[in-house]
């Protein structure tokens, strides 16, 4: 019976901890699994996403001369 209470307390403590953000989890993944080749892919995807967002705004006329 005491074992169940101890397990419940462990689960409650784990649940009370603050969860890391997705950015910090991704950084932890890159650092500990040595997957540094993913970083340039992610940067390019973020830049393309930013370009798509900006192209729908009033800044679009300033982007078109770049291409």
C-alpha atoms as a PDB file:
ATOM      1  CA  UNK A   1       0.000   0.000   0.000  1.00  0.00           C
ATOM      2  CA  UNK A   2       2.846   2.362   0.821  1.00  0.00           C
ATOM      3  CA  UNK A   3       4.340   1.517  -2.556  1.00  0.00           C
ATOM      4  CA  UNK A   4       1.254   2.813  -4.353  1.00  0.00           C
ATOM      5  CA  UNK A   5       1.318   6.077  -2.407  1.00  0.00           C
ATOM      6  CA  UNK A   6       4.995   6.489  -3.214  1.00  0.00           C
ATOM      7  CA  UNK A   7       4.331   5.882  -6.914  1.00  0.00           C
ATOM      8  CA  UNK A   8       1.427   8.353  -6.856  1.00  0.00           C
ATOM      9  CA  UNK A   9       3.671  10.971  -5.272  1.00  0.00           C
ATOM     10  CA  UNK A  10       6.299  10.393  -7.969  1.00  0.00           C
ATOM     11  CA  UNK A  11       3.707  10.837 -10.713  1.00  0.00           C
ATOM     12  CA  UNK A  12       2.347  13.981  -9.067  1.00  0.00           C
ATOM     13  CA  UNK A  13       5.858  15.405  -8.806  1.00  0.00           C
ATOM     14  CA  UNK A  14       6.581  14.642 -12.451  1.00  0.00           C
ATOM     15  CA  UNK A  15       3.265  16.199 -13.452  1.00  0.00           C
ATOM     16  CA  UNK A  16       4.001  19.340 -11.436  1.00  0.00           C
ATOM     17  CA  UNK A  17       7.323  19.937 -13.215  1.00  0.00           C
ATOM     18  CA  UNK A  18       7.419  22.568 -15.906  1.00  0.00           C
ATOM     19  CA  UNK A  19       7.552  21.063 -19.391  1.00  0.00           C
ATOM     20  CA  UNK A  20      10.294  22.270 -21.725  1.00  0.00           C
ATOM     21  CA  UNK A  21       9.346  24.215 -24.832  1.00  0.00           C
ATOM     22  CA  UNK A  22       9.531  22.612 -28.249  1.00  0.00           C
ATOM     23  CA  UNK A  23      12.573  24.733 -29.099  1.00  0.00           C
ATOM     24  CA  UNK A  24      14.482  23.559 -26.032  1.00  0.00           C
ATOM     25  CA  UNK A  25      13.448  19.950 -26.680  1.00  0.00           C
ATOM     26  CA  UNK A  26      14.661  20.217 -30.264  1.00  0.00           C
ATOM     27  CA  UNK A  27      17.940  21.771 -29.136  1.00  0.00           C
ATOM     28  CA  UNK A  28      18.369  18.945 -26.596  1.00  0.00           C
ATOM     29  CA  UNK A  29      17.715  16.419 -29.368  1.00  0.00           C
ATOM     30  CA  UNK A  30      20.269  18.017 -31.705  1.00  0.00           C
ATOM     31  CA  UNK A  31      22.901  18.301 -29.007  1.00  0.00           C
ATOM     32  CA  UNK A  32      22.646  14.838 -27.513  1.00  0.00           C
ATOM     33  CA  UNK A  33      22.005  12.849 -30.688  1.00  0.00           C
ATOM     34  CA  UNK A  34      24.562  14.766 -32.770  1.00  0.00           C
ATOM     35  CA  UNK A  35      22.029  15.491 -35.526  1.00  0.00           C
ATOM     36  CA  UNK A  36      23.562  18.832 -36.526  1.00  0.00           C
ATOM     37  CA  UNK A  37      22.733  18.218 -40.202  1.00  0.00           C
ATOM     38  CA  UNK A  38      19.072  18.966 -39.342  1.00  0.00           C
ATOM     39  CA  UNK A  39      19.836  22.548 -38.337  1.00  0.00           C
ATOM     40  CA  UNK A  40      20.414  23.980 -41.875  1.00  0.00           C
ATOM     41  CA  UNK A  41      17.235  22.268 -43.107  1.00  0.00           C
ATOM     42  CA  UNK A  42      15.240  23.806 -40.276  1.00  0.00           C
ATOM     43  CA  UNK A  43      16.720  27.268 -40.897  1.00  0.00           C
ATOM     44  CA  UNK A  44      15.861  27.113 -44.614  1.00  0.00           C
ATOM     45  CA  UNK A  45      12.295  25.992 -43.825  1.00  0.00           C
ATOM     46  CA  UNK A  46      11.866  28.839 -41.339  1.00  0.00           C
ATOM     47  CA  UNK A  47      13.183  31.380 -43.846  1.00  0.00           C
ATOM     48  CA  UNK A  48      10.833  30.090 -46.552  1.00  0.00           C
ATOM     49  CA  UNK A  49       7.918  30.268 -44.118  1.00  0.00           C
ATOM     50  CA  UNK A  50       8.854  33.832 -43.242  1.00  0.00           C
ATOM     51  CA  UNK A  51       9.020  34.690 -46.942  1.00  0.00           C
ATOM     52  CA  UNK A  52       5.519  33.282 -47.484  1.00  0.00           C
ATOM     53  CA  UNK A  53       4.164  35.279 -44.540  1.00  0.00           C
ATOM     54  CA  UNK A  54       5.778  38.498 -45.735  1.00  0.00           C
ATOM     55  CA  UNK A  55       4.594  37.980 -49.310  1.00  0.00           C
ATOM     56  CA  UNK A  56       1.001  38.249 -48.127  1.00  0.00           C
ATOM     57  CA  UNK A  57       1.572  41.569 -46.406  1.00  0.00           C
ATOM     58  CA  UNK A  58       2.230  45.123 -47.486  1.00  0.00           C
ATOM     59  CA  UNK A  59       5.961  44.325 -47.745  1.00  0.00           C
ATOM     60  CA  UNK A  60       5.382  42.169 -50.845  1.00  0.00           C
ATOM     61  CA  UNK A  61       6.339  44.861 -53.405  1.00  0.00           C
ATOM     62  CA  UNK A  62       9.759  45.085 -51.780  1.00  0.00           C
ATOM     63  CA  UNK A  63      10.362  41.331 -51.979  1.00  0.00           C
ATOM     64  CA  UNK A  64       9.557  40.826 -55.676  1.00  0.00           C
ATOM     65  CA  UNK A  65      12.654  42.690 -56.946  1.00  0.00           C
ATOM     66  CA  UNK A  66      14.831  40.185 -55.091  1.00  0.00           C
ATOM     67  CA  UNK A  67      13.737  37.454 -57.490  1.00  0.00           C
END
